[in-house]
Amino acid sequence: MPKLVKSIFITNNKKQDLTLKTTPDTPAKNLPRLAENELEWELSAQIALRNRCSQP
């Protein structure tokens, strides 16, 4: 079963955009920074957003 394409853009301190994406060609197991589980994905996105908002 092909995975849905999911993207999240995170800006780090160097103002560099990082894209995390999973596609049928690049399954999540090949992207260790990407959570494969839907709940983990949501939690990761929320944590990343909270961390981004808490930076000065």
PDB file of N, CA and C in Angstrom:
ATOM      1  N   MET A   1       0.848  -1.198   0.000  1.00  0.00           N
ATOM      2  CA  MET A   1       0.000   0.000   0.000  1.00  0.00           C
ATOM      3  C   MET A   1       0.879   1.242   0.000  1.00  0.00           C
ATOM      4  N   PRO A   2       0.758   2.109  -0.997  1.00  0.00           N
ATOM      5  CA  PRO A   2       1.596   3.307  -1.062  1.00  0.00           C
ATOM      6  C   PRO A   2       1.263   4.282   0.065  1.00  0.00           C
ATOM      7  N   LYS A   3       2.295   4.944   0.539  1.00  0.00           N
ATOM      8  CA  LYS A   3       2.093   5.905   1.623  1.00  0.00           C
ATOM      9  C   LYS A   3       1.625   7.234   1.049  1.00  0.00           C
ATOM     10  N   LEU A   4       0.899   7.969   1.883  1.00  0.00           N
ATOM     11  CA  LEU A   4       0.489   9.300   1.488  1.00  0.00           C
ATOM     12  C   LEU A   4       1.697  10.224   1.551  1.00  0.00           C
ATOM     13  N   VAL A   5       1.698  11.221   0.715  1.00  0.00           N
ATOM     14  CA  VAL A   5       2.779  12.197   0.747  1.00  0.00           C
ATOM     15  C   VAL A   5       2.482  13.195   1.851  1.00  0.00           C
ATOM     16  N   LYS A   6       3.427  13.328   2.765  1.00  0.00           N
ATOM     17  CA  LYS A   6       3.251  14.257   3.870  1.00  0.00           C
ATOM     18  C   LYS A   6       4.473  15.161   3.910  1.00  0.00           C
ATOM     19  N   SER A   7       4.253  16.423   4.093  1.00  0.00           N
ATOM     20  CA  SER A   7       5.361  17.360   4.154  1.00  0.00           C
ATOM     21  C   SER A   7       5.206  18.263   5.367  1.00  0.00           C
ATOM     22  N   ILE A   8       6.315  18.613   5.978  1.00  0.00           N
ATOM     23  CA  ILE A   8       6.309  19.610   7.040  1.00  0.00           C
ATOM     24  C   ILE A   8       7.542  20.471   6.829  1.00  0.00           C
ATOM     25  N   PHE A   9       7.351  21.761   6.903  1.00  0.00           N
ATOM     26  CA  PHE A   9       8.465  22.676   6.716  1.00  0.00           C
ATOM     27  C   PHE A   9       8.890  23.190   8.079  1.00  0.00           C
ATOM     28  N   ILE A  10      10.172  23.006   8.400  1.00  0.00           N
ATOM     29  CA  ILE A  10      10.711  23.448   9.680  1.00  0.00           C
ATOM     30  C   ILE A  10      11.838  24.424   9.386  1.00  0.00           C
ATOM     31  N   THR A  11      11.796  25.571  10.046  1.00  0.00           N
ATOM     32  CA  THR A  11      12.856  26.552   9.860  1.00  0.00           C
ATOM     33  C   THR A  11      13.745  26.499  11.097  1.00  0.00           C
ATOM     34  N   ASN A  12      15.036  26.248  10.888  1.00  0.00           N
ATOM     35  CA  ASN A  12      15.953  26.192  12.021  1.00  0.00           C
ATOM     36  C   ASN A  12      16.563  27.564  12.268  1.00  0.00           C
ATOM     37  N   ASN A  13      17.532  27.654  13.176  1.00  0.00           N
ATOM     38  CA  ASN A  13      18.120  28.930  13.545  1.00  0.00           C
ATOM     39  C   ASN A  13      18.816  29.628  12.383  1.00  0.00           C
ATOM     40  N   LYS A  14      19.212  28.865  11.383  1.00  0.00           N
ATOM     41  CA  LYS A  14      19.913  29.440  10.236  1.00  0.00           C
ATOM     42  C   LYS A  14      18.944  29.815   9.119  1.00  0.00           C
ATOM     43  N   LYS A  15      17.642  29.826   9.445  1.00  0.00           N
ATOM     44  CA  LYS A  15      16.612  30.178   8.468  1.00  0.00           C
ATOM     45  C   LYS A  15      16.685  29.305   7.223  1.00  0.00           C
ATOM     46  N   GLN A  16      16.923  28.029   7.447  1.00  0.00           N
ATOM     47  CA  GLN A  16      17.051  27.079   6.352  1.00  0.00           C
ATOM     48  C   GLN A  16      15.814  26.185   6.369  1.00  0.00           C
ATOM     49  N   ASP A  17      15.129  26.088   5.233  1.00  0.00           N
ATOM     50  CA  ASP A  17      13.924  25.269   5.181  1.00  0.00           C
ATOM     51  C   ASP A  17      14.280  23.807   4.971  1.00  0.00           C
ATOM     52  N   LEU A  18      13.701  22.957   5.812  1.00  0.00           N
ATOM     53  CA  LEU A  18      13.917  21.518   5.708  1.00  0.00           C
ATOM     54  C   LEU A  18      12.581  20.878   5.369  1.00  0.00           C
ATOM     55  N   THR A  19      12.577  20.026   4.381  1.00  0.00           N
ATOM     56  CA  THR A  19      11.342  19.355   3.993  1.00  0.00           C
ATOM     57  C   THR A  19      11.456  17.869   4.316  1.00  0.00           C
ATOM     58  N   LEU A  20      10.490  17.381   5.072  1.00  0.00           N
ATOM     59  CA  LEU A  20      10.427  15.959   5.380  1.00  0.00           C
ATOM     60  C   LEU A  20       9.262  15.395   4.583  1.00  0.00           C
ATOM     61  N   LYS A  21       9.530  14.409   3.759  1.00  0.00           N
ATOM     62  CA  LYS A  21       8.499  13.919   2.857  1.00  0.00           C
ATOM     63  C   LYS A  21       8.608  12.404   2.703  1.00  0.00           C
ATOM     64  N   THR A  22       7.481  11.740   2.650  1.00  0.00           N
ATOM     65  CA  THR A  22       7.478  10.306   2.379  1.00  0.00           C
ATOM     66  C   THR A  22       6.611  10.041   1.157  1.00  0.00           C
ATOM     67  N   THR A  23       7.126   9.261   0.230  1.00  0.00           N
ATOM     68  CA  THR A  23       6.417   8.903  -0.994  1.00  0.00           C
ATOM     69  C   THR A  23       6.598   7.411  -1.205  1.00  0.00           C
ATOM     70  N   PRO A  24       5.871   6.816  -2.136  1.00  0.00           N
ATOM     71  CA  PRO A  24       6.085   5.393  -2.416  1.00  0.00           C
ATOM     72  C   PRO A  24       7.529   5.077  -2.820  1.00  0.00           C
ATOM     73  N   ASP A  25       8.219   6.060  -3.408  1.00  0.00           N
ATOM     74  CA  ASP A  25       9.601   5.834  -3.824  1.00  0.00           C
ATOM     75  C   ASP A  25      10.573   5.925  -2.653  1.00  0.00           C
ATOM     76  N   THR A  26      10.218   6.713  -1.651  1.00  0.00           N
ATOM     77  CA  THR A  26      11.085   6.869  -0.483  1.00  0.00           C
ATOM     78  C   THR A  26      10.263   6.607   0.776  1.00  0.00           C
ATOM     79  N   PRO A  27      10.106   5.337   1.147  1.00  0.00           N
ATOM     80  CA  PRO A  27       9.323   5.004   2.327  1.00  0.00           C
ATOM     81  C   PRO A  27       9.936   5.570   3.607  1.00  0.00           C
ATOM     82  N   ALA A  28       9.098   5.718   4.604  1.00  0.00           N
ATOM     83  CA  ALA A  28       9.527   6.337   5.860  1.00  0.00           C
ATOM     84  C   ALA A  28      10.717   5.623   6.499  1.00  0.00           C
ATOM     85  N   LYS A  29      10.833   4.310   6.283  1.00  0.00           N
ATOM     86  CA  LYS A  29      11.939   3.586   6.897  1.00  0.00           C
ATOM     87  C   LYS A  29      13.293   4.073   6.374  1.00  0.00           C
ATOM     88  N   ASN A  30      13.294   4.724   5.199  1.00  0.00           N
ATOM     89  CA  ASN A  30      14.529   5.268   4.655  1.00  0.00           C
ATOM     90  C   ASN A  30      14.785   6.687   5.136  1.00  0.00           C
ATOM     91  N   LEU A  31      13.822   7.269   5.824  1.00  0.00           N
ATOM     92  CA  LEU A  31      13.964   8.621   6.350  1.00  0.00           C
ATOM     93  C   LEU A  31      13.807   8.567   7.865  1.00  0.00           C
ATOM     94  N   PRO A  32      14.891   8.335   8.590  1.00  0.00           N
ATOM     95  CA  PRO A  32      14.798   8.134  10.040  1.00  0.00           C
ATOM     96  C   PRO A  32      14.206   9.325  10.781  1.00  0.00           C
ATOM     97  N   ARG A  33      14.293  10.528  10.218  1.00  0.00           N
ATOM     98  CA  ARG A  33      13.746  11.695  10.906  1.00  0.00           C
ATOM     99  C   ARG A  33      12.243  11.799  10.748  1.00  0.00           C
ATOM    100  N   LEU A  34      11.681  10.964   9.899  1.00  0.00           N
ATOM    101  CA  LEU A  34      10.248  11.032   9.628  1.00  0.00           C
ATOM    102  C   LEU A  34       9.508   9.955  10.420  1.00  0.00           C
ATOM    103  N   ALA A  35       8.499  10.365  11.162  1.00  0.00           N
ATOM    104  CA  ALA A  35       7.717   9.393  11.926  1.00  0.00           C
ATOM    105  C   ALA A  35       6.786   8.632  10.987  1.00  0.00           C
ATOM    106  N   GLU A  36       6.832   7.304  11.062  1.00  0.00           N
ATOM    107  CA  GLU A  36       6.013   6.495  10.166  1.00  0.00           C
ATOM    108  C   GLU A  36       4.578   6.375  10.674  1.00  0.00           C
ATOM    109  N   ASN A  37       4.440   6.371  11.977  1.00  0.00           N
ATOM    110  CA  ASN A  37       3.114   6.236  12.568  1.00  0.00           C
ATOM    111  C   ASN A  37       2.374   7.572  12.519  1.00  0.00           C
ATOM    112  N   GLU A  38       1.093   7.538  12.160  1.00  0.00           N
ATOM    113  CA  GLU A  38       0.301   8.770  12.007  1.00  0.00           C
ATOM    114  C   GLU A  38       0.274   9.600  13.288  1.00  0.00           C
ATOM    115  N   LEU A  39       0.088   8.947  14.423  1.00  0.00           N
ATOM    116  CA  LEU A  39       0.054   9.672  15.687  1.00  0.00           C
ATOM    117  C   LEU A  39       1.412  10.290  15.991  1.00  0.00           C
ATOM    118  N   GLU A  40       2.474   9.526  15.763  1.00  0.00           N
ATOM    119  CA  GLU A  40       3.815  10.057  15.977  1.00  0.00           C
ATOM    120  C   GLU A  40       4.062  11.245  15.061  1.00  0.00           C
ATOM    121  N   TRP A  41       3.553  11.159  13.809  1.00  0.00           N
ATOM    122  CA  TRP A  41       3.717  12.269  12.867  1.00  0.00           C
ATOM    123  C   TRP A  41       3.044  13.529  13.414  1.00  0.00           C
ATOM    124  N   GLU A  42       1.816  13.389  13.907  1.00  0.00           N
ATOM    125  CA  GLU A  42       1.087  14.540  14.442  1.00  0.00           C
ATOM    126  C   GLU A  42       1.811  15.126  15.653  1.00  0.00           C
ATOM    127  N   LEU A  43       2.274  14.249  16.543  1.00  0.00           N
ATOM    128  CA  LEU A  43       2.984  14.722  17.723  1.00  0.00           C
ATOM    129  C   LEU A  43       4.285  15.412  17.335  1.00  0.00           C
ATOM    130  N   SER A  44       5.000  14.850  16.363  1.00  0.00           N
ATOM    131  CA  SER A  44       6.252  15.450  15.909  1.00  0.00           C
ATOM    132  C   SER A  44       6.011  16.832  15.326  1.00  0.00           C
ATOM    133  N   ALA A  45       4.947  16.970  14.558  1.00  0.00           N
ATOM    134  CA  ALA A  45       4.612  18.260  13.958  1.00  0.00           C
ATOM    135  C   ALA A  45       4.259  19.277  15.036  1.00  0.00           C
ATOM    136  N   GLN A  46       3.492  18.855  16.034  1.00  0.00           N
ATOM    137  CA  GLN A  46       3.103  19.762  17.112  1.00  0.00           C
ATOM    138  C   GLN A  46       4.316  20.193  17.925  1.00  0.00           C
ATOM    139  N   ILE A  47       5.209  19.244  18.226  1.00  0.00           N
ATOM    140  CA  ILE A  47       6.415  19.563  18.995  1.00  0.00           C
ATOM    141  C   ILE A  47       7.307  20.512  18.210  1.00  0.00           C
ATOM    142  N   ALA A  48       7.476  20.245  16.913  1.00  0.00           N
ATOM    143  CA  ALA A  48       8.301  21.101  16.079  1.00  0.00           C
ATOM    144  C   ALA A  48       7.731  22.516  16.026  1.00  0.00           C
ATOM    145  N   LEU A  49       6.420  22.616  15.900  1.00  0.00           N
ATOM    146  CA  LEU A  49       5.774  23.917  15.840  1.00  0.00           C
ATOM    147  C   LEU A  49       5.931  24.652  17.171  1.00  0.00           C
ATOM    148  N   ARG A  50       5.765  23.927  18.274  1.00  0.00           N
ATOM    149  CA  ARG A  50       5.913  24.541  19.595  1.00  0.00           C
ATOM    150  C   ARG A  50       7.339  25.023  19.798  1.00  0.00           C
ATOM    151  N   ASN A  51       8.312  24.199  19.412  1.00  0.00           N
ATOM    152  CA  ASN A  51       9.713  24.583  19.562  1.00  0.00           C
ATOM    153  C   ASN A  51      10.038  25.788  18.698  1.00  0.00           C
ATOM    154  N   ARG A  52       9.480  25.830  17.514  1.00  0.00           N
ATOM    155  CA  ARG A  52       9.719  26.946  16.597  1.00  0.00           C
ATOM    156  C   ARG A  52       9.124  28.230  17.160  1.00  0.00           C
ATOM    157  N   CYS A  53       7.930  28.140  17.753  1.00  0.00           N
ATOM    158  CA  CYS A  53       7.266  29.324  18.298  1.00  0.00           C
ATOM    159  C   CYS A  53       7.932  29.812  19.582  1.00  0.00           C
ATOM    160  N   SER A  54       8.599  28.922  20.295  1.00  0.00           N
ATOM    161  CA  SER A  54       9.212  29.307  21.563  1.00  0.00           C
ATOM    162  C   SER A  54      10.596  29.922  21.393  1.00  0.00           C
ATOM    163  N   GLN A  55      11.133  29.879  20.152  1.00  0.00           N
ATOM    164  CA  GLN A  55      12.441  30.488  19.907  1.00  0.00           C
ATOM    165  C   GLN A  55      12.300  32.001  19.855  1.00  0.00           C
ATOM    166  N   PRO A  56      13.312  32.746  20.340  1.00  0.00           N
ATOM    167  CA  PRO A  56      13.257  34.215  20.330  1.00  0.00           C
ATOM    168  C   PRO A  56      13.253  34.779  18.913  1.00  0.00           C
TER     169      PRO A  56
END
